């Protein structure tokens, strides 16, 4: 009998959503990079698009985490006042 924890439905869904979300960031990153380097088609350009997409996705996720933390702090402050 295995004692390995199985992923929850939410964890599986999050894992399945990542490629689709990353593709959306790739599209946005490609637009941004192409504004600064038009008509460029090289492996370095593609690497820049990928790195830009990763950075944009991470910034978005960090923003979501920051908002969640602020909501928690607000709730805790509100509880202390009552």
Protein backbone atom coordinates (compact mmCIF):
# COMPACT_ATOMS: atom_id res chain seq x y z
CA UNK A 1 0.00 0.00 0.00
CA UNK A 2 1.40 3.38 -1.06
CA UNK A 3 1.46 6.32 1.32
CA UNK A 4 2.14 8.87 -1.43
CA UNK A 5 -0.34 11.74 -1.39
CA UNK A 6 -2.47 11.93 -4.50
CA UNK A 7 -3.06 15.37 -6.02
CA UNK A 8 -6.43 16.94 -5.34
CA UNK A 9 -8.83 17.86 -8.13
CA UNK A 10 -7.87 21.53 -7.71
CA UNK A 11 -4.15 20.69 -7.99
CA UNK A 12 -4.76 18.63 -11.12
CA UNK A 13 -6.85 21.43 -12.64
CA UNK A 14 -4.16 24.01 -11.85
CA UNK A 15 -1.54 21.79 -13.48
CA UNK A 16 -3.72 21.39 -16.56
CA UNK A 17 -4.34 25.14 -16.81
CA UNK A 18 -0.67 26.12 -16.84
CA UNK A 19 0.07 25.32 -20.53
CA UNK A 20 -2.97 27.29 -21.71
CA UNK A 21 -2.12 30.24 -19.47
CA UNK A 22 1.52 30.14 -20.58
CA UNK A 23 0.46 30.18 -24.23
CA UNK A 24 -1.54 33.35 -23.54
CA UNK A 25 1.55 34.93 -21.96
CA UNK A 26 3.64 33.83 -24.97
CA UNK A 27 1.25 35.71 -27.26
CA UNK A 28 1.51 38.85 -25.10
CA UNK A 29 5.30 38.54 -24.76
CA UNK A 30 5.70 38.10 -28.52
CA UNK A 31 3.76 41.34 -29.09
CA UNK A 32 5.95 43.19 -26.60
CA UNK A 33 9.25 41.83 -27.89
CA UNK A 34 8.25 42.39 -31.53
CA UNK A 35 7.55 46.07 -30.76
CA UNK A 36 11.18 46.49 -29.77
CA UNK A 37 12.76 44.05 -32.22
CA UNK A 38 10.57 43.98 -35.35
CA UNK A 39 11.26 41.47 -38.11
CA UNK A 40 13.63 39.51 -35.90
CA UNK A 41 13.52 35.72 -36.24
CA UNK A 42 16.37 34.06 -34.43
CA UNK A 43 16.80 31.60 -31.61
CA UNK A 44 17.90 34.47 -29.35
CA UNK A 45 14.68 36.33 -30.20
CA UNK A 46 12.59 33.25 -29.41
CA UNK A 47 14.46 32.80 -26.12
CA UNK A 48 13.72 36.44 -25.27
CA UNK A 49 10.02 35.84 -25.96
CA UNK A 50 10.01 32.79 -23.67
CA UNK A 51 11.85 34.59 -20.86
CA UNK A 52 9.56 37.61 -21.19
CA UNK A 53 6.50 35.36 -21.01
CA UNK A 54 7.85 33.63 -17.91
CA UNK A 55 8.55 36.98 -16.27
CA UNK A 56 5.12 38.35 -17.13
CA UNK A 57 3.41 35.22 -15.81
CA UNK A 58 5.42 35.33 -12.59
CA UNK A 59 4.67 39.03 -12.08
CA UNK A 60 0.98 38.31 -12.55
CA UNK A 61 1.04 35.41 -10.09
CA UNK A 62 2.99 37.46 -7.54
CA UNK A 63 0.39 40.22 -7.89
CA UNK A 64 -2.36 37.70 -7.17
CA UNK A 65 -0.48 36.47 -4.10
CA UNK A 66 0.05 40.04 -2.91
CA UNK A 67 -3.67 40.79 -3.26
CA UNK A 68 -4.56 37.61 -1.35
CA UNK A 69 -2.15 38.52 1.45
CA UNK A 70 -3.60 42.03 1.62
CA UNK A 71 -7.10 40.54 1.88
CA UNK A 72 -5.97 38.29 4.73
CA UNK A 73 -4.31 41.20 6.55
CA UNK A 74 -7.46 43.28 6.11
CA UNK A 75 -9.61 40.47 7.52
CA UNK A 76 -7.26 39.96 10.47
CA UNK A 77 -7.19 43.68 11.21
CA UNK A 78 -10.98 43.76 11.02
CA UNK A 79 -11.24 40.85 13.48
CA UNK A 80 -8.89 42.55 15.94
CA UNK A 81 -11.08 45.66 15.97
CA UNK A 82 -14.18 43.67 16.95
